[in-house]
Structures are given as structure tokens and as C-alpha cells.
Amino acid sequence: MSRVRARKTASSRAEETLRALDPAWGELVDRHGPCTLRKRRSPDPFGALVRTVIAQRVSTKAAATVALRLGVLLEGEISVARVLETPLAGLRSVGLPERKALAIQALARSSADGSLPLTRLGRWSNRRVTEGLSAIPGIGPWTAQVFMIFSLARPDVFPEGDLGLQEGIRVTFGLQQRPTPRQARERAEAWAPYRSTAAWYLWRAADPTPSDA
């Protein structure tokens, strides 16, 4: 089976499972499908994590702008070495809040000293990835969960605390208000083992034109 066909098969299986659960899923899949989540791990976990940190609590457009500026500052290479040799003021100059700039520096140090072996994260369990990343100040479960979805290609991750996902649930299922994180998590249990695909569609229900992290 070709790689393209394998990706389509995996995506179709998830979408068919969701369709069978509720007509609302069928409408959402028809409107925004097919899901374009990558099926293989990102070759650049550090750069992907930095971009995910940048995306915390800001719009997709704002995050893309800051990431682009950071790339220019670091001469096209968002790497551990480049970050370590850049002072905090330099990172702040591209529009990063101090908390995020400090988190990116801490991430670079943890990668450099081996306390967080980024190249091994793909072999860790979801829980271990979350715990390892959350040990870094300024990085929490949301960052770990989004990283696992978009960069580690984990098929069954659901960031229940994400406001966009909560809004996507509200819109898709006709709720009067957004679910709480606990309610979102409980609702998402029915979507296993394809919660990452479910999240991808729900983000698009909340914002039809986002760009993948």
C-alpha cells in the first residue's frame, strides 16, 4: 500500500467512525474534510515546540507573525544553539511576552543538557510527554497536547482545556454554552481512539480558516 493511500485509509477510518456516532459529525466532515493531520512525526521537535509555545493563548495569525519574526532573528534556524546564543531581550524584540521567551530559553537549556531528550519524545507515552514538558516553566498540558497532535502524530489526544475546542463542541452540537474542560473530556471519550481527528474538525467548526500548528 502506498504512503498516500495509507494516509487516506487512516483518515477515512477515523472520519467514518465519527460519522457513525452522530449526524453532526457527518456535516462537519463534509464541510471541512478531509483531515490533513500528518501521520508521521515532525523531524524538528524543537522548532515545533517553540512554535507551539508561541501559539499559546493568541490567534493563529498573531502566532504566525511572531514565529516568522523569530525565524528571521535566528537567521532562518529555530534551533537549540541559536536560541541559547540569543539574549532574552532579543527574543522579546520579535513580540514574545517575557513568559514565553523564558519558556523557550528553558526548553533550549533542557534539550542541550539532556534533561529533556526531544528526539526520544516520540517513544514516550502521552502521560510521560505531558509530564516531561510540563516540568519546564511556561509549558503546560495544552502545549504538550497540541505538540503530540501536530508534531508527534498521536491519533488519540484531546486538549479539553482549549477554548477553541470547547467552542467547536458548542457550535457542532448546538449547545447554549461552551462545555467545561471536564464536560469536554467526558464527551470526547466517545470519540476514542480518534480524538486527535475529532479535535482537528472541532477547531475548524470554531474557526473555519485556521492553519495547522
Protein backbone atom coordinates (compact mmCIF):
# COMPACT_ATOMS: atom_id res chain seq x y z
CA MET A 1 0.00 0.00 0.00
CA SER A 2 1.40 3.42 -0.93
CA ARG A 3 2.02 6.06 1.75
CA VAL A 4 -0.64 8.32 0.25
CA ARG A 5 -3.19 5.53 0.26
CA ALA A 6 -2.24 4.58 3.83
CA ARG A 7 -2.80 8.17 5.00
CA LYS A 8 -6.17 8.30 3.27
CA THR A 9 -7.18 4.97 4.79
CA ALA A 10 -6.27 6.06 8.32
CA SER A 11 -8.06 9.36 7.91
CA SER A 12 -11.12 7.73 6.36
CA ARG A 13 -11.34 5.21 9.19
CA ALA A 14 -11.42 7.97 11.77
CA GLU A 15 -13.96 10.01 9.83
CA GLU A 16 -16.22 7.02 9.21
CA THR A 17 -16.15 6.20 12.93
CA LEU A 18 -17.11 9.76 13.85
CA ARG A 19 -19.85 9.87 11.20
CA ALA A 20 -21.43 6.77 12.71
CA LEU A 21 -21.66 8.41 16.12
CA ASP A 22 -23.73 11.48 15.26
CA PRO A 23 -25.11 13.17 12.10
CA ALA A 24 -23.43 16.36 13.27
CA TRP A 25 -20.06 14.75 12.61
CA GLY A 26 -21.10 13.90 9.07
CA GLU A 27 -21.96 17.52 8.40
CA LEU A 28 -18.67 18.70 9.88
CA VAL A 29 -16.60 16.19 7.90
CA ASP A 30 -18.39 17.10 4.67
CA ARG A 31 -17.78 20.79 5.28
CA HIS A 32 -14.11 20.67 6.28
CA GLY A 33 -12.70 17.29 5.29
CA PRO A 34 -10.55 15.52 4.64
CA CYS A 35 -8.45 15.80 7.78
CA THR A 36 -4.88 16.80 6.96
CA LEU A 37 -3.15 15.83 10.20
CA ARG A 38 0.26 14.35 9.46
CA LYS A 39 0.68 10.65 10.13
CA ARG A 40 4.42 10.81 10.80
CA ARG A 41 6.41 12.60 13.48
CA SER A 42 7.90 16.01 12.77
CA PRO A 43 11.65 15.83 12.04
CA ASP A 44 12.15 19.05 14.03
CA PRO A 45 10.67 18.64 17.53
CA PHE A 46 12.42 21.71 18.97
CA GLY A 47 11.18 24.08 16.28
CA ALA A 48 7.70 22.57 16.54
CA LEU A 49 7.64 23.05 20.31
CA VAL A 50 8.83 26.64 20.02
CA ARG A 51 6.02 27.40 17.57
CA THR A 52 3.53 25.73 19.90
CA VAL A 53 4.73 27.85 22.82
CA ILE A 54 4.33 30.94 20.64
CA ALA A 55 0.75 29.87 19.85
CA GLN A 56 -0.33 29.78 23.50
CA ARG A 57 -3.38 32.00 24.03
CA VAL A 58 -3.02 34.02 20.83
CA SER A 59 -4.70 33.94 17.44
CA THR A 60 -3.32 31.82 14.63
CA LYS A 61 -2.40 34.95 12.68
CA ALA A 62 -0.57 36.54 15.60
CA ALA A 63 1.35 33.34 16.31
CA ALA A 64 2.41 33.01 12.68
CA THR A 65 3.66 36.61 12.65
CA VAL A 66 5.79 36.15 15.78
CA ALA A 67 7.15 32.80 14.54
CA LEU A 68 8.14 34.42 11.25
CA ARG A 69 9.92 37.26 13.05
CA LEU A 70 11.71 34.78 15.30
CA GLY A 71 12.87 32.82 12.28
CA VAL A 72 14.33 35.99 10.78
CA LEU A 73 16.03 36.91 14.07
CA LEU A 74 17.59 33.45 14.30
CA GLU A 75 18.71 33.62 10.67
CA GLY A 76 16.27 31.01 9.45
CA GLU A 77 17.12 28.36 12.03
CA ILE A 78 14.93 27.97 15.12
CA SER A 79 17.39 25.66 16.83
CA VAL A 80 18.65 25.00 20.33
CA ALA A 81 22.02 26.55 19.54
CA ARG A 82 20.52 29.71 18.02
CA VAL A 83 18.17 30.24 20.96
CA LEU A 84 20.93 29.70 23.54
CA GLU A 85 23.12 32.35 21.96
CA THR A 86 20.26 34.90 21.77
CA PRO A 87 19.68 37.12 24.83
CA LEU A 88 16.25 37.43 26.38
CA ALA A 89 15.91 40.98 25.04
CA GLY A 90 16.47 39.67 21.53
CA LEU A 91 13.71 37.11 21.87
CA ARG A 92 11.42 39.75 23.35
CA SER A 93 12.11 42.04 20.39
CA VAL A 94 10.08 39.86 18.00
CA GLY A 95 6.91 40.25 20.07
CA LEU A 96 7.32 37.41 22.56
CA PRO A 97 5.99 38.08 26.06
CA GLU A 98 8.66 37.55 28.71
CA ARG A 99 6.99 34.38 29.99
CA LYS A 100 7.11 32.75 26.56
CA ALA A 101 10.66 33.92 25.87
CA LEU A 102 11.80 32.44 29.19
CA ALA A 103 9.96 29.19 28.40
CA ILE A 104 11.73 28.92 25.03
CA GLN A 105 15.10 29.54 26.69
CA ALA A 106 14.35 26.92 29.35
CA LEU A 107 13.31 24.46 26.66
CA ALA A 108 16.58 25.03 24.82
CA ARG A 109 18.62 24.51 28.00
CA SER A 110 16.73 21.33 28.86
CA SER A 111 17.35 19.98 25.38
CA ALA A 112 21.03 20.95 25.45
CA ASP A 113 21.77 19.37 28.83
CA GLY A 114 19.82 16.22 28.04
CA SER A 115 17.23 16.58 30.80
CA LEU A 116 14.54 16.64 28.10
CA PRO A 117 15.72 14.47 25.19
CA LEU A 118 13.49 15.84 22.42
CA THR A 119 14.47 13.16 19.91
CA ARG A 120 13.12 10.50 22.27
CA LEU A 121 9.72 12.05 22.93
CA GLY A 122 8.20 10.06 20.09
CA ARG A 123 8.84 6.88 22.06
CA TRP A 124 7.36 8.17 25.30
CA SER A 125 3.77 7.63 26.44
CA ASN A 126 1.34 10.54 26.26
CA ARG A 127 1.48 10.89 30.02
CA ARG A 128 5.28 10.94 30.11
CA VAL A 129 5.45 13.51 27.31
CA THR A 130 3.00 15.74 29.18
CA GLU A 131 4.86 15.39 32.46
CA GLY A 132 8.25 15.97 30.86
CA LEU A 133 7.21 19.11 29.02
CA SER A 134 5.13 20.46 31.90
CA ALA A 135 8.23 20.37 34.11
CA ILE A 136 9.52 23.33 32.10
CA PRO A 137 8.24 26.69 33.42
CA GLY A 138 5.82 28.26 30.96
CA ILE A 139 4.90 24.95 29.32
CA GLY A 140 1.79 23.10 30.42
CA PRO A 141 -0.57 20.32 29.35
CA TRP A 142 -2.09 22.31 26.45
CA THR A 143 1.31 22.82 24.82
CA ALA A 144 2.16 19.15 25.29
CA GLN A 145 -1.19 18.00 23.90
CA VAL A 146 -1.04 20.22 20.81
CA PHE A 147 2.57 19.13 20.22
CA MET A 148 1.52 15.48 20.42
CA ILE A 149 -1.28 16.03 17.90
CA PHE A 150 0.56 18.08 15.30
CA SER A 151 4.20 17.04 15.74
CA LEU A 152 4.22 13.55 17.23
CA ALA A 153 1.22 12.49 15.12
CA ARG A 154 -0.55 10.88 18.07
CA PRO A 155 -4.05 9.80 16.95
CA ASP A 156 -5.89 9.95 20.27
CA VAL A 157 -5.14 13.22 22.07
CA PHE A 158 -7.75 15.78 23.12
CA PRO A 159 -6.84 19.15 24.74
CA GLU A 160 -10.08 19.55 26.66
CA GLY A 161 -8.98 22.88 28.14
CA ASP A 162 -8.67 24.53 24.72
CA LEU A 163 -11.28 27.27 24.30
CA GLY A 164 -11.40 26.71 20.54
CA LEU A 165 -12.30 23.07 21.01
CA GLN A 166 -14.91 23.95 23.60
CA GLU A 167 -16.42 26.45 21.15
CA GLY A 168 -16.26 23.85 18.38
CA ILE A 169 -18.25 21.44 20.54
CA ARG A 170 -20.81 24.14 21.29
CA VAL A 171 -21.25 25.02 17.62
CA THR A 172 -21.26 21.46 16.30
CA PHE A 173 -23.71 20.03 18.80
CA GLY A 174 -25.93 23.07 19.24
CA LEU A 175 -25.17 23.76 22.89
CA GLN A 176 -26.18 27.02 24.51
CA GLN A 177 -22.78 27.48 26.13
CA ARG A 178 -19.31 26.06 25.92
CA PRO A 179 -18.70 22.86 27.89
CA THR A 180 -16.30 22.96 30.81
CA PRO A 181 -12.98 21.13 30.35
CA ARG A 182 -14.38 18.20 32.30
CA GLN A 183 -17.54 18.10 30.19
CA ALA A 184 -15.45 18.32 27.01
CA ARG A 185 -13.22 15.48 28.18
CA GLU A 186 -16.20 13.29 29.07
CA ARG A 187 -17.90 13.97 25.72
CA ALA A 188 -14.67 13.21 23.87
CA GLU A 189 -14.38 9.75 25.42
CA ALA A 190 -16.88 8.53 22.81
CA TRP A 191 -14.52 9.66 20.03
CA ALA A 192 -11.60 7.44 21.06
CA PRO A 193 -9.32 6.23 19.52
CA TYR A 194 -9.61 9.15 17.06
CA ARG A 195 -9.76 12.14 19.37
CA SER A 196 -6.98 13.96 17.52
CA THR A 197 -9.02 13.87 14.32
CA ALA A 198 -12.09 14.96 16.28
CA ALA A 199 -10.09 17.90 17.67
CA TRP A 200 -8.93 18.88 14.17
CA TYR A 201 -12.54 19.10 12.96
CA LEU A 202 -13.80 20.88 16.06
CA TRP A 203 -11.13 23.56 15.69
CA ARG A 204 -12.46 24.16 12.21
CA ALA A 205 -16.02 24.33 13.47
CA ALA A 206 -14.90 27.18 15.73
CA ASP A 207 -12.61 28.80 13.13
CA PRO A 208 -13.09 27.64 9.52
CA THR A 209 -9.73 29.01 8.35
CA PRO A 210 -7.03 28.06 10.90
CA SER A 211 -3.57 26.87 9.91
CA ASP A 212 -2.18 23.70 11.43
CA ALA A 213 0.37 24.11 14.20
